[in-house]
Amino acid sequence: MSELHCEEEEDVLCLSRRALRSIPASVLHTTHLKSLYLEGNEISSLPERFFSRMSSLVWLDVRNNRLSGLPAAIGQHRCLKTLLLEGNPISALPPELGHVITLKALSLRKCPLVFPPQDVLDRGLPSILHYLRSSALTDESAAVEKLCLSELEQCEEDETEILRFEELRRRMIQVERAELGSAGDGGTGTPRADLISSCFIRLNIVSALDDVQRSPAV
């Protein structure tokens, strides 16, 4: 088998087969890197700030390591095109990976994945990313619904809670609109958006009634 050789360039770093157990701190300071080769090491995790620090990364090769997962912050990356995960004990991909809109190649051979399920993996990269995006949307929807049914209806809201709810509402509607625009599969996000809007209206009504009850009688 021919070994992979890296060109000697300022934006390429080869650290393959160095018996590394973690990402060297110096790598996280080399923020201009576009290609990083870490194949054949013993790395068990990537730092939480890895993808935010390596914001220019286009190619990441972490094949044949001991990675059990990926940081959720990968979803904020806007340059990554190739991600090679082959031969790692990863059982689940993070839903946030679905938001990496630049990703063109994903290697998952010899990864014991259960999420996404095998039928989704068999359909290829577009289906995998779509599945992950849908999963992320479902998770946020559940969080908003729980907030509506438990905290808001108990009338225990305060300024911090209102801000939290508004942020969840804004994020979910944005994700849902993006999903409808990219998937083009005939699905609709209107019921979710209506649920959030009605819950937000209910919050305002409860708050107004509470203000009236606290007002002194004329």
N, C-alpha and C. Protein backbone atom coordinates (compact mmCIF):
# COMPACT_ATOMS: atom_id res chain seq x y z
N MET A 1 0.85 -1.18 0.00
CA MET A 1 0.00 0.00 0.00
C MET A 1 0.89 1.24 0.00
N SER A 2 0.60 2.15 -0.89
CA SER A 2 1.43 3.35 -0.98
C SER A 2 1.07 4.30 0.15
N GLU A 3 2.05 4.92 0.76
CA GLU A 3 1.83 5.82 1.86
C GLU A 3 1.54 7.22 1.33
N LEU A 4 0.78 7.97 2.08
CA LEU A 4 0.42 9.31 1.70
C LEU A 4 1.57 10.26 2.05
N HIS A 5 1.96 11.04 1.09
CA HIS A 5 3.04 12.01 1.30
C HIS A 5 2.47 13.41 1.18
N CYS A 6 2.85 14.27 2.10
CA CYS A 6 2.36 15.64 2.08
C CYS A 6 3.39 16.56 1.44
N GLU A 7 2.90 17.52 0.71
CA GLU A 7 3.80 18.52 0.14
C GLU A 7 4.26 19.46 1.26
N GLU A 8 5.44 19.95 1.10
CA GLU A 8 5.99 20.87 2.09
C GLU A 8 5.44 22.26 1.80
N GLU A 9 4.34 22.61 2.40
CA GLU A 9 3.73 23.91 2.23
C GLU A 9 3.38 24.47 3.60
N GLU A 10 3.25 25.79 3.67
CA GLU A 10 2.98 26.43 4.94
C GLU A 10 1.61 26.10 5.49
N ASP A 11 0.67 25.79 4.60
CA ASP A 11 -0.69 25.53 5.06
C ASP A 11 -1.00 24.04 5.16
N VAL A 12 0.04 23.18 5.11
CA VAL A 12 -0.13 21.73 5.23
C VAL A 12 0.76 21.22 6.37
N LEU A 13 0.15 20.40 7.24
CA LEU A 13 0.93 19.85 8.35
C LEU A 13 0.69 18.34 8.42
N CYS A 14 1.80 17.58 8.41
CA CYS A 14 1.73 16.12 8.49
C CYS A 14 2.23 15.64 9.85
N LEU A 15 1.33 15.01 10.59
CA LEU A 15 1.71 14.41 11.88
C LEU A 15 1.19 12.98 11.93
N SER A 16 1.20 12.31 10.81
CA SER A 16 0.72 10.94 10.74
C SER A 16 1.72 9.98 11.37
N ARG A 17 1.18 8.96 12.07
CA ARG A 17 1.98 7.87 12.62
C ARG A 17 3.11 8.36 13.52
N ARG A 18 2.73 9.23 14.45
CA ARG A 18 3.70 9.76 15.42
C ARG A 18 3.39 9.27 16.84
N ALA A 19 2.47 8.33 16.98
CA ALA A 19 2.07 7.81 18.30
C ALA A 19 1.50 8.91 19.19
N LEU A 20 0.86 9.89 18.59
CA LEU A 20 0.26 10.98 19.36
C LEU A 20 -1.00 10.49 20.08
N ARG A 21 -1.16 10.92 21.31
CA ARG A 21 -2.36 10.58 22.07
C ARG A 21 -3.32 11.75 22.18
N SER A 22 -2.88 12.91 21.78
CA SER A 22 -3.73 14.11 21.79
C SER A 22 -3.19 15.09 20.75
N ILE A 23 -3.99 16.09 20.46
CA ILE A 23 -3.57 17.12 19.52
C ILE A 23 -2.56 18.04 20.19
N PRO A 24 -1.36 18.18 19.66
CA PRO A 24 -0.38 19.08 20.27
C PRO A 24 -0.91 20.51 20.36
N ALA A 25 -0.61 21.18 21.45
CA ALA A 25 -1.08 22.55 21.64
C ALA A 25 -0.59 23.47 20.53
N SER A 26 0.60 23.19 20.02
CA SER A 26 1.15 24.04 18.96
C SER A 26 0.29 24.01 17.70
N VAL A 27 -0.38 22.88 17.46
CA VAL A 27 -1.23 22.77 16.28
C VAL A 27 -2.39 23.75 16.36
N LEU A 28 -2.97 23.90 17.55
CA LEU A 28 -4.11 24.79 17.72
C LEU A 28 -3.75 26.25 17.52
N HIS A 29 -2.46 26.54 17.54
CA HIS A 29 -2.02 27.92 17.29
C HIS A 29 -1.66 28.14 15.83
N THR A 30 -1.67 27.06 15.06
CA THR A 30 -1.37 27.18 13.62
C THR A 30 -2.69 27.31 12.88
N THR A 31 -3.33 28.44 13.07
CA THR A 31 -4.71 28.62 12.63
C THR A 31 -4.86 28.79 11.12
N HIS A 32 -3.76 28.95 10.40
CA HIS A 32 -3.85 29.15 8.95
C HIS A 32 -3.86 27.83 8.18
N LEU A 33 -3.72 26.70 8.89
CA LEU A 33 -3.64 25.41 8.22
C LEU A 33 -4.89 25.12 7.39
N LYS A 34 -4.65 24.56 6.21
CA LYS A 34 -5.74 24.13 5.34
C LYS A 34 -5.83 22.61 5.26
N SER A 35 -4.71 21.92 5.47
CA SER A 35 -4.69 20.46 5.43
C SER A 35 -3.92 19.94 6.64
N LEU A 36 -4.57 19.02 7.37
CA LEU A 36 -3.94 18.45 8.57
C LEU A 36 -4.06 16.93 8.51
N TYR A 37 -2.91 16.25 8.57
CA TYR A 37 -2.86 14.79 8.48
C TYR A 37 -2.46 14.21 9.83
N LEU A 38 -3.37 13.46 10.44
CA LEU A 38 -3.12 12.85 11.75
C LEU A 38 -3.39 11.36 11.72
N GLU A 39 -3.33 10.76 10.59
CA GLU A 39 -3.66 9.34 10.42
C GLU A 39 -2.69 8.45 11.20
N GLY A 40 -3.24 7.36 11.77
CA GLY A 40 -2.41 6.35 12.41
C GLY A 40 -1.81 6.73 13.73
N ASN A 41 -2.51 7.57 14.51
CA ASN A 41 -2.05 7.90 15.86
C ASN A 41 -2.94 7.21 16.90
N GLU A 42 -2.91 7.71 18.13
CA GLU A 42 -3.72 7.13 19.21
C GLU A 42 -4.59 8.21 19.84
N ILE A 43 -5.04 9.14 19.04
CA ILE A 43 -5.82 10.28 19.52
C ILE A 43 -7.24 9.82 19.87
N SER A 44 -7.66 10.09 21.10
CA SER A 44 -8.98 9.63 21.56
C SER A 44 -10.05 10.71 21.49
N SER A 45 -9.65 11.96 21.36
CA SER A 45 -10.64 13.04 21.27
C SER A 45 -10.01 14.27 20.65
N LEU A 46 -10.87 15.12 20.08
CA LEU A 46 -10.45 16.41 19.56
C LEU A 46 -10.88 17.49 20.56
N PRO A 47 -10.05 18.48 20.80
CA PRO A 47 -10.42 19.54 21.75
C PRO A 47 -11.72 20.22 21.34
N GLU A 48 -12.48 20.68 22.31
CA GLU A 48 -13.75 21.35 22.02
C GLU A 48 -13.55 22.55 21.11
N ARG A 49 -12.42 23.23 21.25
CA ARG A 49 -12.17 24.43 20.43
C ARG A 49 -11.45 24.11 19.13
N PHE A 50 -11.27 22.84 18.83
CA PHE A 50 -10.47 22.46 17.66
C PHE A 50 -10.98 23.12 16.38
N PHE A 51 -12.24 22.99 16.08
CA PHE A 51 -12.76 23.48 14.81
C PHE A 51 -12.92 25.00 14.78
N SER A 52 -13.11 25.61 15.94
CA SER A 52 -13.17 27.06 15.97
C SER A 52 -11.78 27.68 15.80
N ARG A 53 -10.78 27.01 16.33
CA ARG A 53 -9.41 27.50 16.16
C ARG A 53 -8.88 27.23 14.76
N MET A 54 -9.24 26.07 14.20
CA MET A 54 -8.76 25.70 12.87
C MET A 54 -9.81 26.09 11.83
N SER A 55 -10.11 27.36 11.77
CA SER A 55 -11.22 27.84 10.96
C SER A 55 -10.94 27.81 9.45
N SER A 56 -9.68 27.67 9.04
CA SER A 56 -9.35 27.62 7.61
C SER A 56 -9.20 26.20 7.08
N LEU A 57 -9.38 25.22 7.94
CA LEU A 57 -9.14 23.83 7.58
C LEU A 57 -10.08 23.36 6.46
N VAL A 58 -9.48 22.78 5.42
CA VAL A 58 -10.23 22.26 4.29
C VAL A 58 -10.20 20.73 4.28
N TRP A 59 -9.08 20.16 4.71
CA TRP A 59 -8.87 18.71 4.68
C TRP A 59 -8.40 18.24 6.05
N LEU A 60 -9.13 17.28 6.63
CA LEU A 60 -8.74 16.72 7.93
C LEU A 60 -8.72 15.20 7.83
N ASP A 61 -7.56 14.63 8.07
CA ASP A 61 -7.39 13.18 8.01
C ASP A 61 -7.05 12.67 9.41
N VAL A 62 -8.05 12.03 10.05
CA VAL A 62 -7.84 11.45 11.38
C VAL A 62 -8.13 9.95 11.34
N ARG A 63 -7.87 9.32 10.23
CA ARG A 63 -8.11 7.88 10.09
C ARG A 63 -7.27 7.08 11.09
N ASN A 64 -7.86 5.95 11.50
CA ASN A 64 -7.14 4.98 12.33
C ASN A 64 -6.57 5.58 13.61
N ASN A 65 -7.46 6.29 14.32
CA ASN A 65 -7.14 6.76 15.66
C ASN A 65 -8.10 6.09 16.64
N ARG A 66 -8.35 6.74 17.77
CA ARG A 66 -9.24 6.18 18.78
C ARG A 66 -10.39 7.14 19.10
N LEU A 67 -10.77 7.92 18.13
CA LEU A 67 -11.83 8.90 18.33
C LEU A 67 -13.17 8.22 18.57
N SER A 68 -13.88 8.64 19.60
CA SER A 68 -15.21 8.10 19.88
C SER A 68 -16.30 9.10 19.52
N GLY A 69 -15.90 10.30 19.12
CA GLY A 69 -16.88 11.32 18.74
C GLY A 69 -16.21 12.56 18.20
N LEU A 70 -17.03 13.53 17.82
CA LEU A 70 -16.54 14.80 17.30
C LEU A 70 -17.16 15.94 18.10
N PRO A 71 -16.46 17.06 18.28
CA PRO A 71 -17.02 18.20 19.00
C PRO A 71 -18.22 18.78 18.25
N ALA A 72 -19.23 19.19 19.00
CA ALA A 72 -20.41 19.78 18.37
C ALA A 72 -20.08 21.06 17.61
N ALA A 73 -19.00 21.73 17.99
CA ALA A 73 -18.62 22.98 17.33
C ALA A 73 -18.26 22.80 15.87
N ILE A 74 -18.14 21.56 15.40
CA ILE A 74 -17.85 21.33 13.99
C ILE A 74 -18.95 21.93 13.12
N GLY A 75 -20.15 22.04 13.67
CA GLY A 75 -21.27 22.57 12.90
C GLY A 75 -21.10 24.03 12.51
N GLN A 76 -20.17 24.74 13.14
CA GLN A 76 -19.96 26.14 12.83
C GLN A 76 -18.86 26.35 11.78
N HIS A 77 -18.25 25.24 11.34
CA HIS A 77 -17.14 25.36 10.39
C HIS A 77 -17.67 25.67 8.99
N ARG A 78 -16.97 26.53 8.28
CA ARG A 78 -17.44 26.96 6.97
C ARG A 78 -16.40 26.78 5.87
N CYS A 79 -15.40 25.94 6.11
CA CYS A 79 -14.39 25.69 5.08
C CYS A 79 -14.15 24.21 4.82
N LEU A 80 -14.43 23.36 5.79
CA LEU A 80 -14.09 21.95 5.72
C LEU A 80 -14.78 21.26 4.54
N LYS A 81 -13.97 20.62 3.68
CA LYS A 81 -14.49 19.92 2.52
C LYS A 81 -14.31 18.41 2.60
N THR A 82 -13.23 17.97 3.23
CA THR A 82 -12.93 16.54 3.32
C THR A 82 -12.66 16.15 4.76
N LEU A 83 -13.40 15.14 5.24
CA LEU A 83 -13.25 14.66 6.61
C LEU A 83 -13.10 13.14 6.56
N LEU A 84 -11.93 12.64 6.95
CA LEU A 84 -11.62 11.21 6.89
C LEU A 84 -11.61 10.64 8.30
N LEU A 85 -12.64 9.84 8.61
CA LEU A 85 -12.80 9.27 9.95
C LEU A 85 -12.61 7.77 9.99
N GLU A 86 -12.27 7.18 8.91
CA GLU A 86 -12.16 5.72 8.78
C GLU A 86 -11.34 5.11 9.92
N GLY A 87 -11.83 3.98 10.44
CA GLY A 87 -11.06 3.22 11.42
C GLY A 87 -11.06 3.79 12.82
N ASN A 88 -12.08 4.59 13.16
CA ASN A 88 -12.23 5.11 14.53
C ASN A 88 -13.47 4.49 15.18
N PRO A 89 -13.46 4.29 16.51
CA PRO A 89 -14.60 3.68 17.20
C PRO A 89 -15.74 4.67 17.44
N ILE A 90 -16.14 5.36 16.40
CA ILE A 90 -17.22 6.35 16.50
C ILE A 90 -18.56 5.64 16.29
N SER A 91 -19.46 5.77 17.26
CA SER A 91 -20.77 5.14 17.12
C SER A 91 -21.85 6.12 16.69
N ALA A 92 -21.60 7.42 16.84
CA ALA A 92 -22.61 8.41 16.47
C ALA A 92 -21.94 9.68 15.96
N LEU A 93 -22.48 10.20 14.87
CA LEU A 93 -22.03 11.49 14.35
C LEU A 93 -22.85 12.58 15.03
N PRO A 94 -22.24 13.73 15.32
CA PRO A 94 -23.00 14.80 15.97
C PRO A 94 -24.00 15.41 14.98
N PRO A 95 -25.22 15.69 15.41
CA PRO A 95 -26.20 16.33 14.51
C PRO A 95 -25.67 17.61 13.89
N GLU A 96 -24.79 18.31 14.62
CA GLU A 96 -24.25 19.58 14.13
C GLU A 96 -23.45 19.41 12.85
N LEU A 97 -22.93 18.21 12.59
CA LEU A 97 -22.17 17.96 11.37
C LEU A 97 -23.03 18.25 10.14
N GLY A 98 -24.33 18.10 10.26
CA GLY A 98 -25.23 18.36 9.14
C GLY A 98 -25.21 19.80 8.68
N HIS A 99 -24.71 20.71 9.51
CA HIS A 99 -24.67 22.12 9.15
C HIS A 99 -23.36 22.53 8.47
N VAL A 100 -22.46 21.57 8.26
CA VAL A 100 -21.21 21.89 7.55
C VAL A 100 -21.51 21.86 6.05
N ILE A 101 -21.96 22.98 5.52
CA ILE A 101 -22.47 23.04 4.15
C ILE A 101 -21.37 22.90 3.10
N THR A 102 -20.12 23.04 3.51
CA THR A 102 -19.02 22.93 2.55
C THR A 102 -18.54 21.50 2.35
N LEU A 103 -18.97 20.57 3.19
CA LEU A 103 -18.44 19.20 3.18
C LEU A 103 -18.79 18.48 1.88
N LYS A 104 -17.77 17.93 1.23
CA LYS A 104 -17.94 17.22 -0.04
C LYS A 104 -17.54 15.76 0.04
N ALA A 105 -16.73 15.38 1.02
CA ALA A 105 -16.26 14.00 1.13
C ALA A 105 -16.19 13.61 2.60
N LEU A 106 -16.72 12.41 2.91
CA LEU A 106 -16.75 11.91 4.28
C LEU A 106 -16.45 10.42 4.27
N SER A 107 -15.35 10.02 4.92
CA SER A 107 -14.95 8.61 4.97
C SER A 107 -15.33 8.02 6.32
N LEU A 108 -16.19 6.97 6.28
CA LEU A 108 -16.68 6.36 7.51
C LEU A 108 -16.44 4.86 7.56
N ARG A 109 -15.60 4.33 6.69
CA ARG A 109 -15.33 2.89 6.67
C ARG A 109 -14.76 2.43 8.01
N LYS A 110 -15.20 1.25 8.44
CA LYS A 110 -14.72 0.63 9.67
C LYS A 110 -15.02 1.47 10.91
N CYS A 111 -16.10 2.26 10.85
CA CYS A 111 -16.60 2.97 12.03
C CYS A 111 -17.90 2.29 12.45
N PRO A 112 -18.03 1.86 13.71
CA PRO A 112 -19.22 1.13 14.16
C PRO A 112 -20.42 2.06 14.41
N LEU A 113 -20.84 2.76 13.39
CA LEU A 113 -21.89 3.76 13.54
C LEU A 113 -23.27 3.14 13.74
N VAL A 114 -24.01 3.72 14.66
CA VAL A 114 -25.43 3.38 14.82
C VAL A 114 -26.29 4.63 14.58
N PHE A 115 -25.66 5.78 14.53
CA PHE A 115 -26.34 7.04 14.24
C PHE A 115 -25.45 7.87 13.34
N PRO A 116 -25.90 8.13 12.11
CA PRO A 116 -27.16 7.73 11.48
C PRO A 116 -27.24 6.22 11.26
N PRO A 117 -28.45 5.70 11.05
CA PRO A 117 -28.61 4.27 10.80
C PRO A 117 -28.01 3.86 9.46
N GLN A 118 -27.81 2.57 9.27
CA GLN A 118 -27.13 2.06 8.10
C GLN A 118 -27.82 2.42 6.80
N ASP A 119 -29.15 2.41 6.78
CA ASP A 119 -29.85 2.72 5.52
C ASP A 119 -29.59 4.15 5.07
N VAL A 120 -29.38 5.06 6.03
CA VAL A 120 -29.03 6.44 5.68
C VAL A 120 -27.59 6.51 5.18
N LEU A 121 -26.69 5.80 5.84
CA LEU A 121 -25.29 5.78 5.42
C LEU A 121 -25.16 5.24 4.00
N ASP A 122 -25.96 4.24 3.67
CA ASP A 122 -25.88 3.63 2.35
C ASP A 122 -26.28 4.59 1.23
N ARG A 123 -27.05 5.63 1.56
CA ARG A 123 -27.52 6.55 0.54
C ARG A 123 -26.52 7.66 0.23
N GLY A 124 -25.45 7.74 1.00
CA GLY A 124 -24.40 8.69 0.67
C GLY A 124 -24.44 9.99 1.45
N LEU A 125 -23.45 10.85 1.16
CA LEU A 125 -23.23 12.06 1.93
C LEU A 125 -24.43 13.00 1.99
N PRO A 126 -25.10 13.32 0.88
CA PRO A 126 -26.24 14.25 0.97
C PRO A 126 -27.32 13.76 1.93
N SER A 127 -27.61 12.46 1.90
CA SER A 127 -28.62 11.91 2.80
C SER A 127 -28.16 11.94 4.25
N ILE A 128 -26.88 11.68 4.47
CA ILE A 128 -26.34 11.73 5.83
C ILE A 128 -26.47 13.13 6.42
N LEU A 129 -26.08 14.13 5.65
CA LEU A 129 -26.15 15.51 6.14
C LEU A 129 -27.59 15.95 6.37
N HIS A 130 -28.47 15.55 5.47
CA HIS A 130 -29.88 15.89 5.62
C HIS A 130 -30.46 15.25 6.88
N TYR A 131 -30.11 14.02 7.11
CA TYR A 131 -30.59 13.30 8.31
C TYR A 131 -30.10 13.99 9.58
N LEU A 132 -28.83 14.38 9.59
CA LEU A 132 -28.27 15.04 10.77
C LEU A 132 -28.92 16.40 11.00
N ARG A 133 -29.15 17.16 9.93
CA ARG A 133 -29.83 18.45 10.08
C ARG A 133 -31.23 18.26 10.66
N SER A 134 -31.94 17.28 10.15
CA SER A 134 -33.30 17.01 10.64
C SER A 134 -33.27 16.62 12.11
N SER A 135 -32.26 15.85 12.50
CA SER A 135 -32.13 15.44 13.89
C SER A 135 -31.87 16.63 14.78
N ALA A 136 -31.02 17.55 14.33
CA ALA A 136 -30.73 18.74 15.12
C ALA A 136 -31.98 19.59 15.28
N LEU A 137 -32.79 19.69 14.22
CA LEU A 137 -34.02 20.46 14.29
C LEU A 137 -35.00 19.84 15.27
N THR A 138 -35.10 18.52 15.26
CA THR A 138 -35.99 17.81 16.18
C THR A 138 -35.59 18.04 17.62
N ASP A 139 -34.27 18.02 17.89
CA ASP A 139 -33.78 18.23 19.26
C ASP A 139 -34.16 19.62 19.75
N GLU A 140 -34.00 20.65 18.90
CA GLU A 140 -34.33 22.00 19.30
C GLU A 140 -35.83 22.17 19.47
N SER A 141 -36.61 21.50 18.63
CA SER A 141 -38.07 21.57 18.74
C SER A 141 -38.51 21.01 20.08
N ALA A 142 -37.93 19.87 20.47
CA ALA A 142 -38.29 19.25 21.74
C ALA A 142 -37.95 20.17 22.91
N ALA A 143 -36.83 20.86 22.80
CA ALA A 143 -36.44 21.78 23.88
C ALA A 143 -37.43 22.92 24.00
N VAL A 144 -37.87 23.44 22.86
CA VAL A 144 -38.82 24.55 22.88
C VAL A 144 -40.17 24.09 23.41
N GLU A 145 -40.63 22.91 22.98
CA GLU A 145 -41.92 22.40 23.43
C GLU A 145 -41.90 22.15 24.94
N LYS A 146 -40.80 21.62 25.45
CA LYS A 146 -40.69 21.39 26.89
C LYS A 146 -40.77 22.69 27.65
N LEU A 147 -40.12 23.72 27.11
CA LEU A 147 -40.15 25.03 27.74
C LEU A 147 -41.57 25.57 27.76
N CYS A 148 -42.29 25.40 26.65
CA CYS A 148 -43.67 25.89 26.56
C CYS A 148 -44.57 25.21 27.57
N LEU A 149 -44.52 23.89 27.63
CA LEU A 149 -45.48 23.12 28.40
C LEU A 149 -45.19 23.09 29.90
N SER A 150 -43.93 23.23 30.26
CA SER A 150 -43.60 23.12 31.68
C SER A 150 -43.37 24.47 32.34
N GLU A 151 -42.42 25.22 31.83
CA GLU A 151 -42.02 26.44 32.52
C GLU A 151 -42.96 27.61 32.25
N LEU A 152 -43.34 27.80 30.97
CA LEU A 152 -44.14 28.97 30.64
C LEU A 152 -45.55 28.87 31.21
N GLU A 153 -46.17 27.70 31.16
CA GLU A 153 -47.53 27.55 31.62
C GLU A 153 -47.62 27.63 33.14
N GLN A 154 -46.52 27.50 33.84
CA GLN A 154 -46.51 27.62 35.29
C GLN A 154 -46.36 29.07 35.74
N CYS A 155 -46.26 29.98 34.77
CA CYS A 155 -46.20 31.42 35.05
C CYS A 155 -45.03 31.77 35.97
N GLU A 156 -43.89 31.10 35.78
CA GLU A 156 -42.72 31.39 36.60
C GLU A 156 -41.65 32.09 35.77
N GLU A 157 -42.08 32.73 34.67
CA GLU A 157 -41.13 33.35 33.77
C GLU A 157 -40.52 34.60 34.40
N ASP A 158 -39.28 34.89 34.03
CA ASP A 158 -38.64 36.13 34.39
C ASP A 158 -37.90 36.63 33.16
N GLU A 159 -37.18 37.68 33.27
CA GLU A 159 -36.54 38.27 32.10
C GLU A 159 -35.56 37.32 31.44
N THR A 160 -34.78 36.60 32.24
CA THR A 160 -33.81 35.66 31.69
C THR A 160 -34.50 34.55 30.93
N GLU A 161 -35.60 34.04 31.47
CA GLU A 161 -36.32 32.95 30.83
C GLU A 161 -36.96 33.40 29.53
N ILE A 162 -37.47 34.63 29.51
CA ILE A 162 -38.07 35.16 28.28
C ILE A 162 -37.01 35.28 27.19
N LEU A 163 -35.84 35.74 27.55
CA LEU A 163 -34.76 35.86 26.57
C LEU A 163 -34.34 34.49 26.06
N ARG A 164 -34.30 33.51 26.96
CA ARG A 164 -33.95 32.15 26.56
C ARG A 164 -34.97 31.60 25.57
N PHE A 165 -36.25 31.82 25.88
CA PHE A 165 -37.31 31.33 24.99
C PHE A 165 -37.24 32.01 23.63
N GLU A 166 -37.03 33.33 23.63
CA GLU A 166 -36.97 34.05 22.37
C GLU A 166 -35.81 33.57 21.50
N GLU A 167 -34.67 33.28 22.14
CA GLU A 167 -33.52 32.80 21.39
C GLU A 167 -33.81 31.43 20.78
N LEU A 168 -34.42 30.52 21.56
CA LEU A 168 -34.79 29.22 21.03
C LEU A 168 -35.77 29.36 19.88
N ARG A 169 -36.72 30.23 20.03
CA ARG A 169 -37.72 30.46 18.98
C ARG A 169 -37.05 30.95 17.70
N ARG A 170 -36.15 31.92 17.84
CA ARG A 170 -35.47 32.48 16.67
C ARG A 170 -34.61 31.43 15.98
N ARG A 171 -33.86 30.65 16.76
CA ARG A 171 -32.97 29.64 16.17
C ARG A 171 -33.76 28.57 15.46
N MET A 172 -34.85 28.12 16.06
CA MET A 172 -35.61 27.04 15.44
C MET A 172 -36.23 27.48 14.12
N ILE A 173 -36.80 28.70 14.10
CA ILE A 173 -37.41 29.19 12.87
C ILE A 173 -36.37 29.36 11.77
N GLN A 174 -35.18 29.85 12.13
CA GLN A 174 -34.12 30.00 11.14
C GLN A 174 -33.69 28.67 10.56
N VAL A 175 -33.48 27.68 11.44
CA VAL A 175 -33.08 26.35 10.98
C VAL A 175 -34.15 25.72 10.12
N GLU A 176 -35.41 25.91 10.53
CA GLU A 176 -36.50 25.29 9.80
C GLU A 176 -36.63 25.90 8.41
N ARG A 177 -36.48 27.21 8.31
CA ARG A 177 -36.54 27.86 7.01
C ARG A 177 -35.41 27.40 6.10
N ALA A 178 -34.21 27.28 6.68
CA ALA A 178 -33.08 26.80 5.89
C ALA A 178 -33.31 25.38 5.42
N GLU A 179 -33.89 24.55 6.32
CA GLU A 179 -34.17 23.16 5.97
C GLU A 179 -35.14 23.07 4.81
N LEU A 180 -36.20 23.89 4.86
CA LEU A 180 -37.20 23.86 3.80
C LEU A 180 -36.60 24.33 2.48
N GLY A 181 -35.68 25.27 2.55
CA GLY A 181 -35.08 25.78 1.33
C GLY A 181 -34.08 24.83 0.70
N SER A 182 -33.40 23.98 1.54
CA SER A 182 -32.34 23.13 1.01
C SER A 182 -32.81 21.73 0.68
N ALA A 183 -33.75 21.21 1.46
CA ALA A 183 -34.17 19.81 1.26
C ALA A 183 -35.01 19.64 0.02
N GLY A 184 -36.02 20.53 -0.17
CA GLY A 184 -36.87 20.45 -1.34
C GLY A 184 -37.59 19.13 -1.47
N ASP A 185 -37.96 18.53 -0.31
CA ASP A 185 -38.58 17.21 -0.37
C ASP A 185 -40.07 17.27 -0.07
N GLY A 186 -40.63 18.47 -0.13
CA GLY A 186 -42.06 18.58 0.06
C GLY A 186 -42.48 18.69 1.49
N GLY A 187 -41.52 18.65 2.48
CA GLY A 187 -41.88 18.75 3.89
C GLY A 187 -42.26 20.15 4.26
N THR A 188 -42.87 20.33 5.38
CA THR A 188 -43.27 21.66 5.82
C THR A 188 -42.96 21.83 7.28
N GLY A 189 -42.49 23.05 7.67
CA GLY A 189 -42.17 23.31 9.07
C GLY A 189 -43.23 24.16 9.74
N THR A 190 -44.36 24.45 9.05
CA THR A 190 -45.36 25.36 9.57
C THR A 190 -45.90 24.96 10.93
N PRO A 191 -46.25 23.67 11.18
CA PRO A 191 -46.79 23.31 12.50
C PRO A 191 -45.87 23.67 13.64
N ARG A 192 -44.57 23.44 13.48
CA ARG A 192 -43.61 23.76 14.54
C ARG A 192 -43.58 25.27 14.76
N ALA A 193 -43.50 26.04 13.65
CA ALA A 193 -43.43 27.49 13.77
C ALA A 193 -44.69 28.02 14.43
N ASP A 194 -45.87 27.47 14.09
CA ASP A 194 -47.11 27.90 14.71
C ASP A 194 -47.11 27.61 16.20
N LEU A 195 -46.59 26.42 16.58
CA LEU A 195 -46.55 26.05 17.99
C LEU A 195 -45.73 27.06 18.79
N ILE A 196 -44.58 27.43 18.25
CA ILE A 196 -43.71 28.36 18.96
C ILE A 196 -44.35 29.73 19.03
N SER A 197 -44.94 30.20 17.91
CA SER A 197 -45.57 31.50 17.89
C SER A 197 -46.71 31.57 18.89
N SER A 198 -47.56 30.53 18.93
CA SER A 198 -48.69 30.52 19.84
C SER A 198 -48.22 30.48 21.28
N CYS A 199 -47.14 29.73 21.54
CA CYS A 199 -46.61 29.66 22.89
C CYS A 199 -46.08 31.01 23.32
N PHE A 200 -45.41 31.71 22.39
CA PHE A 200 -44.85 33.02 22.70
C PHE A 200 -45.98 34.01 22.96
N ILE A 201 -47.07 33.94 22.18
CA ILE A 201 -48.23 34.80 22.39
C ILE A 201 -48.84 34.51 23.77
N ARG A 202 -48.93 33.21 24.13
CA ARG A 202 -49.48 32.83 25.41
C ARG A 202 -48.65 33.40 26.55
N LEU A 203 -47.34 33.42 26.37
CA LEU A 203 -46.45 34.00 27.38
C LEU A 203 -46.76 35.47 27.59
N ASN A 204 -46.97 36.22 26.49
CA ASN A 204 -47.27 37.64 26.60
C ASN A 204 -48.61 37.87 27.29
N ILE A 205 -49.61 37.02 26.98
CA ILE A 205 -50.92 37.16 27.60
C ILE A 205 -50.83 36.92 29.10
N VAL A 206 -50.15 35.84 29.49
CA VAL A 206 -49.99 35.53 30.91
C VAL A 206 -49.27 36.65 31.64
N SER A 207 -48.25 37.20 30.99
CA SER A 207 -47.48 38.29 31.61
C SER A 207 -48.37 39.51 31.78
N ALA A 208 -49.20 39.81 30.77
CA ALA A 208 -50.08 40.98 30.85
C ALA A 208 -51.10 40.81 31.96
N LEU A 209 -51.70 39.62 32.06
CA LEU A 209 -52.67 39.35 33.11
C LEU A 209 -52.03 39.48 34.49
N ASP A 210 -50.82 39.00 34.59
CA ASP A 210 -50.12 39.08 35.87
C ASP A 210 -49.90 40.53 36.27
N ASP A 211 -49.56 41.39 35.28
CA ASP A 211 -49.37 42.82 35.54
C ASP A 211 -50.67 43.46 36.02
N VAL A 212 -51.81 43.06 35.40
CA VAL A 212 -53.10 43.63 35.78
C VAL A 212 -53.42 43.25 37.22
N GLN A 213 -53.14 41.97 37.57
CA GLN A 213 -53.45 41.50 38.91
C GLN A 213 -52.61 42.22 39.97
N ARG A 214 -51.41 42.62 39.59
CA ARG A 214 -50.56 43.29 40.55
C ARG A 214 -50.87 44.78 40.66
N SER A 215 -51.63 45.35 39.69
CA SER A 215 -51.92 46.78 39.68
C SER A 215 -52.92 47.10 40.78
N PRO A 216 -52.78 48.23 41.47
CA PRO A 216 -53.73 48.60 42.54
C PRO A 216 -55.08 48.98 41.97
N ALA A 217 -56.11 48.66 42.67
CA ALA A 217 -57.47 48.99 42.22
C ALA A 217 -57.67 50.49 42.27
N VAL A 218 -58.38 51.00 41.26
CA VAL A 218 -58.64 52.45 41.20
C VAL A 218 -59.85 52.79 42.04
